[in-house]
Amino acid sequence: MNRAVAIGIDLGGTNCRGALVSQSGQVSGWRSIETELTDNLTVFLKSLTVFCQDLRTAAAEMGLDVVGIGCGAAGVVDPSGKIRSAPNLQLLNRFDLQGHLQRELNSPALVINDANAIAWGEAQYGGGQPFDSFLTITLGTGVGGGLILHRQLWQGKYGGAGEIGHLAVEAEGRPCGCGSHGCLEQYASGQGIVRTFQELGVGRGANDLDSFGIADLARQGDPLAQKAFDLAGRYLGQGIAGVVNLLNLEGVVFAGGLSGCLDLLLPSLEQELARRAFAVNRQQLHLVKSCLADRAGILGAASLLFDRLEHR
């Protein structure tokens, strides 16, 4: 019996999730903690290391052998595993997270952009399996993107491909953590929807709600909450139209916590797609919600780690 597992980590701006993943995609030892939001890099890394060590201990208790760590991390990650830019985890900017994990855990490690890990997880185990070429969009604290082209993960020369969240949808719009203005992430992420709702509902206690609370209001018929999601969907449609006009993809897979609100986003998203995308590019385009929930990034990162070990 093959008892080899990889530690799969999905490190986001809000939560850090992890599990033990077999080469066939079986998941065990699942756990999740809130991401340690601190300006102290040492404290942050200690928390992450302890999280990984706990998973290694769990593996030993189950009689499993850990062969390495695969980690999907929010931000632009170069091919060496160094984080070049992380708007939602800025203390990791220019930090060699892959090297750190290898040293601290004395084990092979792979660090990749979290949306790329999710895209690969969807390609191998989830909603992307029917497609040769598709885009995964992660909706959560930010907006991420991962591209699968001809069944291969496309990261670009330096690991920066797929960043749909930083396409400009408003030329002089809201400032973004990446240093630009008007990025899609500032309007279609959970934080972006909250900000839109606050701007629409000044003076009515709008500051007390997160994006899921606003979604609840929208489903109850609140016009301002519905408007906030309508605008987010419209901006998403604008961004997706640009990508599918460029690449003529077969599908878009929506993942991340906010994908649970896809029903509120789709009407205006599809309307914007119809307005902006070439007919030949949109008529056969499939819009799919992930069936892997919050496991996609963990599965993808672990699968990529196994692939690297096989081909080293």
Protein backbone atom coordinates (compact mmCIF):
# COMPACT_ATOMS: atom_id res chain seq x y z
CA MET A 1 0.00 0.00 0.00
CA ASN A 2 1.36 3.42 -0.98
CA ARG A 3 1.44 5.52 2.18
CA ALA A 4 3.11 8.58 0.62
CA VAL A 5 1.34 11.90 1.12
CA ALA A 6 2.14 15.54 0.49
CA ILE A 7 1.24 18.34 2.85
CA GLY A 8 -1.01 20.62 0.81
CA ILE A 9 -1.33 24.23 1.98
CA ASP A 10 -3.64 26.98 0.73
CA LEU A 11 -2.29 30.23 2.18
CA GLY A 12 -4.68 33.11 1.60
CA GLY A 13 -5.19 36.58 2.98
CA THR A 14 -7.97 35.41 5.32
CA ASN A 15 -7.44 31.70 6.01
CA CYS A 16 -4.67 29.13 5.94
CA ARG A 17 -5.94 25.65 5.08
CA GLY A 18 -4.01 22.42 4.98
CA ALA A 19 -4.37 18.67 4.59
CA LEU A 20 -2.53 15.48 3.79
CA VAL A 21 -3.02 14.52 0.14
CA SER A 22 -2.22 11.21 -1.53
CA GLN A 23 -1.04 10.95 -5.12
CA SER A 24 -4.55 9.83 -6.12
CA GLY A 25 -6.09 12.95 -4.54
CA GLN A 26 -7.39 11.46 -1.29
CA VAL A 27 -7.51 14.06 1.48
CA SER A 28 -7.07 13.47 5.21
CA GLY A 29 -6.09 15.45 8.30
CA TRP A 30 -7.92 18.55 7.08
CA ARG A 31 -7.51 21.71 9.17
CA SER A 32 -7.96 25.45 8.82
CA ILE A 33 -6.86 28.49 10.82
CA GLU A 34 -7.16 32.23 10.35
CA THR A 35 -4.13 33.67 8.61
CA GLU A 36 -1.82 35.32 11.14
CA LEU A 37 -2.19 38.96 10.06
CA THR A 38 0.84 40.69 11.54
CA ASP A 39 3.60 43.02 10.41
CA ASN A 40 6.14 40.71 12.05
CA LEU A 41 7.44 38.27 9.43
CA THR A 42 9.06 36.06 12.08
CA VAL A 43 5.77 35.62 13.94
CA PHE A 44 3.93 34.88 10.69
CA LEU A 45 6.46 32.27 9.57
CA LYS A 46 6.48 30.61 12.98
CA SER A 47 2.70 30.20 12.81
CA LEU A 48 2.94 28.70 9.31
CA THR A 49 5.76 26.35 10.30
CA VAL A 50 3.85 25.09 13.35
CA PHE A 51 0.79 24.53 11.11
CA CYS A 52 2.87 22.35 8.77
CA GLN A 53 4.51 20.51 11.66
CA ASP A 54 1.08 19.69 13.10
CA LEU A 55 0.13 18.11 9.77
CA ARG A 56 3.36 16.12 9.72
CA THR A 57 2.59 14.85 13.24
CA ALA A 58 -0.92 13.88 12.11
CA ALA A 59 0.59 11.96 9.19
CA ALA A 60 2.89 10.02 11.51
CA GLU A 61 -0.03 9.13 13.76
CA MET A 62 -1.88 7.74 10.72
CA GLY A 63 1.16 5.80 9.54
CA LEU A 64 1.63 8.01 6.48
CA ASP A 65 4.94 9.18 5.00
CA VAL A 66 5.23 12.89 4.14
CA VAL A 67 7.25 13.35 0.94
CA GLY A 68 7.08 17.16 0.81
CA ILE A 69 5.02 20.33 1.04
CA GLY A 70 3.03 21.96 -1.76
CA CYS A 71 1.85 25.47 -0.92
CA GLY A 72 -0.39 27.81 -2.89
CA ALA A 73 0.22 31.37 -1.69
CA ALA A 74 -1.56 34.61 -2.52
CA GLY A 75 0.62 36.78 -4.75
CA VAL A 76 2.93 36.62 -7.75
CA VAL A 77 5.31 33.69 -7.21
CA ASP A 78 8.31 33.21 -9.48
CA PRO A 79 9.47 29.76 -10.68
CA SER A 80 11.95 29.49 -7.77
CA GLY A 81 9.14 29.81 -5.21
CA LYS A 82 9.99 33.38 -4.22
CA ILE A 83 7.02 35.68 -3.70
CA ARG A 84 7.58 38.75 -5.88
CA SER A 85 4.44 40.66 -4.93
CA ALA A 86 1.60 39.88 -2.52
CA PRO A 87 -0.95 42.72 -2.28
CA ASN A 88 -3.01 40.83 0.33
CA LEU A 89 -0.01 39.44 2.28
CA GLN A 90 2.46 42.27 1.91
CA LEU A 91 4.88 41.06 4.59
CA LEU A 92 5.79 38.22 2.18
CA ASN A 93 6.82 40.59 -0.64
CA ARG A 94 10.19 39.49 -2.09
CA PHE A 95 10.43 36.59 0.39
CA ASP A 96 11.73 33.13 -0.56
CA LEU A 97 8.90 31.15 1.02
CA GLN A 98 9.81 27.93 -0.79
CA GLY A 99 13.37 28.02 0.51
CA HIS A 100 12.15 28.81 4.01
CA LEU A 101 9.77 25.84 4.09
CA GLN A 102 12.48 23.50 2.77
CA ARG A 103 14.92 24.61 5.47
CA GLU A 104 12.49 24.70 8.39
CA LEU A 105 10.79 21.39 7.60
CA ASN A 106 13.82 19.64 6.06
CA SER A 107 11.66 18.42 3.22
CA PRO A 108 11.10 19.17 -0.49
CA ALA A 109 8.77 22.13 -0.97
CA LEU A 110 6.97 23.82 -3.83
CA VAL A 111 5.38 27.26 -3.56
CA ILE A 112 3.10 28.50 -6.31
CA ASN A 113 0.50 31.23 -6.73
CA ASP A 114 -2.68 30.16 -4.94
CA ALA A 115 -4.96 30.70 -7.94
CA ASN A 116 -2.61 28.61 -10.10
CA ALA A 117 -2.76 25.84 -7.51
CA ILE A 118 -6.55 26.05 -7.54
CA ALA A 119 -6.63 25.99 -11.36
CA TRP A 120 -4.49 22.85 -11.40
CA GLY A 121 -6.68 21.26 -8.74
CA GLU A 122 -9.74 21.99 -10.86
CA ALA A 123 -8.02 20.59 -13.95
CA GLN A 124 -7.11 17.35 -12.20
CA TYR A 125 -10.08 16.74 -9.93
CA GLY A 126 -12.79 19.36 -10.41
CA GLY A 127 -14.83 21.50 -12.76
CA GLY A 128 -12.02 22.00 -15.26
CA GLN A 129 -11.67 18.32 -16.18
CA PRO A 130 -13.82 18.53 -19.36
CA PHE A 131 -11.84 21.46 -20.80
CA ASP A 132 -8.53 21.62 -22.64
CA SER A 133 -8.24 25.36 -21.97
CA PHE A 134 -9.97 27.31 -19.24
CA LEU A 135 -9.63 30.11 -16.71
CA THR A 136 -10.13 29.67 -12.99
CA ILE A 137 -11.22 32.80 -11.12
CA THR A 138 -10.87 32.81 -7.36
CA LEU A 139 -13.28 35.10 -5.56
CA GLY A 140 -12.46 35.83 -1.94
CA THR A 141 -10.36 38.39 -0.09
CA GLY A 142 -9.03 39.30 -3.53
CA VAL A 143 -9.64 38.15 -7.10
CA GLY A 144 -7.13 35.70 -8.53
CA GLY A 145 -6.80 33.84 -11.79
CA GLY A 146 -5.15 30.69 -13.07
CA LEU A 147 -4.87 29.61 -16.70
CA ILE A 148 -4.88 26.07 -18.06
CA LEU A 149 -3.95 26.09 -21.77
CA HIS A 150 -4.01 22.79 -23.66
CA ARG A 151 -4.15 20.96 -20.30
CA GLN A 152 -0.96 22.64 -19.06
CA LEU A 153 -0.69 25.24 -16.31
CA TRP A 154 0.39 28.52 -17.91
CA GLN A 155 2.34 30.69 -15.45
CA GLY A 156 4.24 32.86 -17.92
CA LYS A 157 8.00 33.40 -18.00
CA TYR A 158 8.27 34.76 -14.44
CA GLY A 159 5.15 33.35 -12.78
CA GLY A 160 2.97 36.42 -13.24
CA ALA A 161 0.38 35.12 -15.73
CA GLY A 162 -3.33 34.83 -15.01
CA GLU A 163 -3.68 37.90 -12.77
CA ILE A 164 -7.19 38.81 -13.90
CA GLY A 165 -7.80 40.56 -10.58
CA HIS A 166 -5.36 43.25 -11.66
CA LEU A 167 -6.86 44.00 -15.05
CA ALA A 168 -7.93 47.63 -15.04
CA VAL A 169 -11.71 47.99 -15.25
CA GLU A 170 -11.77 51.68 -14.22
CA ALA A 171 -8.92 53.79 -15.59
CA GLU A 172 -8.71 56.07 -12.54
CA GLY A 173 -10.63 53.92 -10.08
CA ARG A 174 -9.96 52.77 -6.55
CA PRO A 175 -6.32 52.43 -5.49
CA CYS A 176 -5.15 48.82 -5.29
CA GLY A 177 -2.58 47.14 -3.07
CA CYS A 178 -0.61 46.24 -6.20
CA GLY A 179 0.15 49.95 -6.71
CA SER A 180 -2.25 50.51 -9.59
CA HIS A 181 -5.78 51.94 -9.75
CA GLY A 182 -9.11 50.57 -10.87
CA CYS A 183 -8.20 46.87 -10.70
CA LEU A 184 -11.00 44.30 -10.99
CA GLU A 185 -10.11 43.08 -7.49
CA GLN A 186 -11.19 46.42 -6.04
CA TYR A 187 -14.75 45.88 -7.28
CA ALA A 188 -15.40 42.12 -7.49
CA SER A 189 -13.66 40.74 -4.39
CA GLY A 190 -15.35 40.38 -1.02
CA GLN A 191 -13.65 43.56 0.15
CA GLY A 192 -14.63 45.34 -3.05
CA ILE A 193 -18.29 44.42 -2.66
CA VAL A 194 -18.25 45.62 0.95
CA ARG A 195 -16.75 48.94 -0.14
CA THR A 196 -19.33 49.37 -2.91
CA PHE A 197 -22.14 48.63 -0.47
CA GLN A 198 -20.73 51.12 2.02
CA GLU A 199 -20.54 53.79 -0.67
CA LEU A 200 -24.11 53.07 -1.76
CA GLY A 201 -25.49 52.86 1.77
CA VAL A 202 -23.77 55.67 3.63
CA GLY A 203 -25.65 56.41 6.84
CA ARG A 204 -27.54 53.12 7.15
CA GLY A 205 -25.15 50.96 9.21
CA ALA A 206 -23.45 49.52 6.14
CA ASN A 207 -20.10 49.27 7.92
CA ASP A 208 -21.30 46.34 10.06
CA LEU A 209 -21.59 43.76 7.26
CA ASP A 210 -19.15 41.54 5.40
CA SER A 211 -19.73 40.34 1.83
CA PHE A 212 -21.72 37.30 2.97
CA GLY A 213 -23.99 39.47 5.10
CA ILE A 214 -24.53 41.70 2.09
CA ALA A 215 -25.33 38.59 0.02
CA ASP A 216 -27.98 37.60 2.57
CA LEU A 217 -29.53 41.05 2.25
CA ALA A 218 -29.44 40.83 -1.55
CA ARG A 219 -31.31 37.53 -1.48
CA GLN A 220 -33.89 39.13 0.80
CA GLY A 221 -34.47 41.82 -1.83
CA ASP A 222 -32.43 44.71 -0.44
CA PRO A 223 -31.90 47.00 -3.46
CA LEU A 224 -28.53 48.41 -2.38
CA ALA A 225 -27.11 44.95 -1.66
CA GLN A 226 -28.40 43.74 -5.02
CA LYS A 227 -26.81 46.76 -6.67
CA ALA A 228 -23.43 46.00 -5.05
CA PHE A 229 -23.45 42.47 -6.48
CA ASP A 230 -24.80 43.70 -9.81
CA LEU A 231 -21.83 46.06 -10.16
CA ALA A 232 -19.37 43.35 -9.12
CA GLY A 233 -20.84 40.98 -11.71
CA ARG A 234 -20.66 43.64 -14.38
CA TYR A 235 -16.97 44.26 -13.72
CA LEU A 236 -16.31 40.51 -13.71
CA GLY A 237 -18.05 40.20 -17.07
CA GLN A 238 -15.91 43.01 -18.44
CA GLY A 239 -12.70 41.30 -17.31
CA ILE A 240 -13.74 37.84 -18.52
CA ALA A 241 -14.77 39.21 -21.91
CA GLY A 242 -11.28 40.59 -22.43
CA VAL A 243 -9.66 37.27 -21.54
CA VAL A 244 -11.93 35.11 -23.71
CA ASN A 245 -11.57 37.49 -26.65
CA LEU A 246 -7.81 37.08 -26.31
CA LEU A 247 -7.68 33.31 -25.72
CA ASN A 248 -11.01 31.81 -26.94
CA LEU A 249 -11.30 29.59 -23.85
CA GLU A 250 -13.77 26.75 -23.36
CA GLY A 251 -14.65 27.47 -19.76
CA VAL A 252 -14.41 29.66 -16.69
CA VAL A 253 -14.40 27.91 -13.30
CA PHE A 254 -15.31 30.06 -10.29
CA ALA A 255 -13.70 29.09 -6.99
CA GLY A 256 -13.11 30.67 -3.59
CA GLY A 257 -15.49 31.50 -0.77
CA LEU A 258 -17.37 34.16 -2.69
CA SER A 259 -18.18 31.72 -5.51
CA GLY A 260 -21.05 30.70 -3.24
CA CYS A 261 -22.63 34.00 -4.26
CA LEU A 262 -22.33 33.27 -7.97
CA ASP A 263 -26.11 33.32 -8.33
CA LEU A 264 -26.03 37.02 -7.42
CA LEU A 265 -23.19 37.80 -9.83
CA LEU A 266 -24.19 35.84 -12.92
CA PRO A 267 -27.09 37.94 -14.26
CA SER A 268 -25.05 41.11 -14.76
CA LEU A 269 -21.89 39.11 -15.58
CA GLU A 270 -23.60 37.30 -18.46
CA GLN A 271 -25.17 40.54 -19.63
CA GLU A 272 -21.75 42.17 -19.80
CA LEU A 273 -20.25 39.15 -21.56
CA ALA A 274 -22.97 39.33 -24.20
CA ARG A 275 -22.20 43.01 -24.70
CA ARG A 276 -18.41 42.75 -24.89
CA ALA A 277 -17.28 39.27 -26.00
CA PHE A 278 -17.27 38.15 -29.63
CA ALA A 279 -20.17 35.80 -30.31
CA VAL A 280 -17.82 33.01 -31.43
CA ASN A 281 -15.98 33.29 -28.11
CA ARG A 282 -18.99 33.39 -25.77
CA GLN A 283 -21.50 31.01 -27.36
CA GLN A 284 -19.52 27.88 -26.44
CA LEU A 285 -18.13 29.32 -23.19
CA HIS A 286 -19.11 27.34 -20.10
CA LEU A 287 -19.37 29.14 -16.74
CA VAL A 288 -18.92 26.60 -13.95
CA LYS A 289 -18.85 26.77 -10.16
CA SER A 290 -16.14 24.70 -8.49
CA CYS A 291 -17.30 21.42 -6.97
CA LEU A 292 -14.18 21.15 -4.81
CA ALA A 293 -15.11 23.93 -2.37
CA ASP A 294 -11.99 24.94 -0.41
CA ARG A 295 -10.01 21.77 -1.32
CA ALA A 296 -8.99 22.84 -4.84
CA GLY A 297 -5.84 24.76 -3.88
CA ILE A 298 -4.65 22.07 -1.49
CA LEU A 299 -5.21 19.35 -4.09
CA GLY A 300 -3.51 21.37 -6.81
CA ALA A 301 -0.45 22.32 -4.76
CA ALA A 302 0.04 18.74 -3.58
CA SER A 303 -0.39 17.36 -7.11
CA LEU A 304 2.21 19.77 -8.48
CA LEU A 305 4.61 18.75 -5.69
CA PHE A 306 4.21 15.07 -6.64
CA ASP A 307 4.82 15.98 -10.30
CA ARG A 308 8.02 17.82 -9.44
CA LEU A 309 9.32 14.93 -7.35
CA GLU A 310 8.63 12.50 -10.20
CA HIS A 311 10.54 14.58 -12.75
CA ARG A 312 13.47 15.87 -10.72
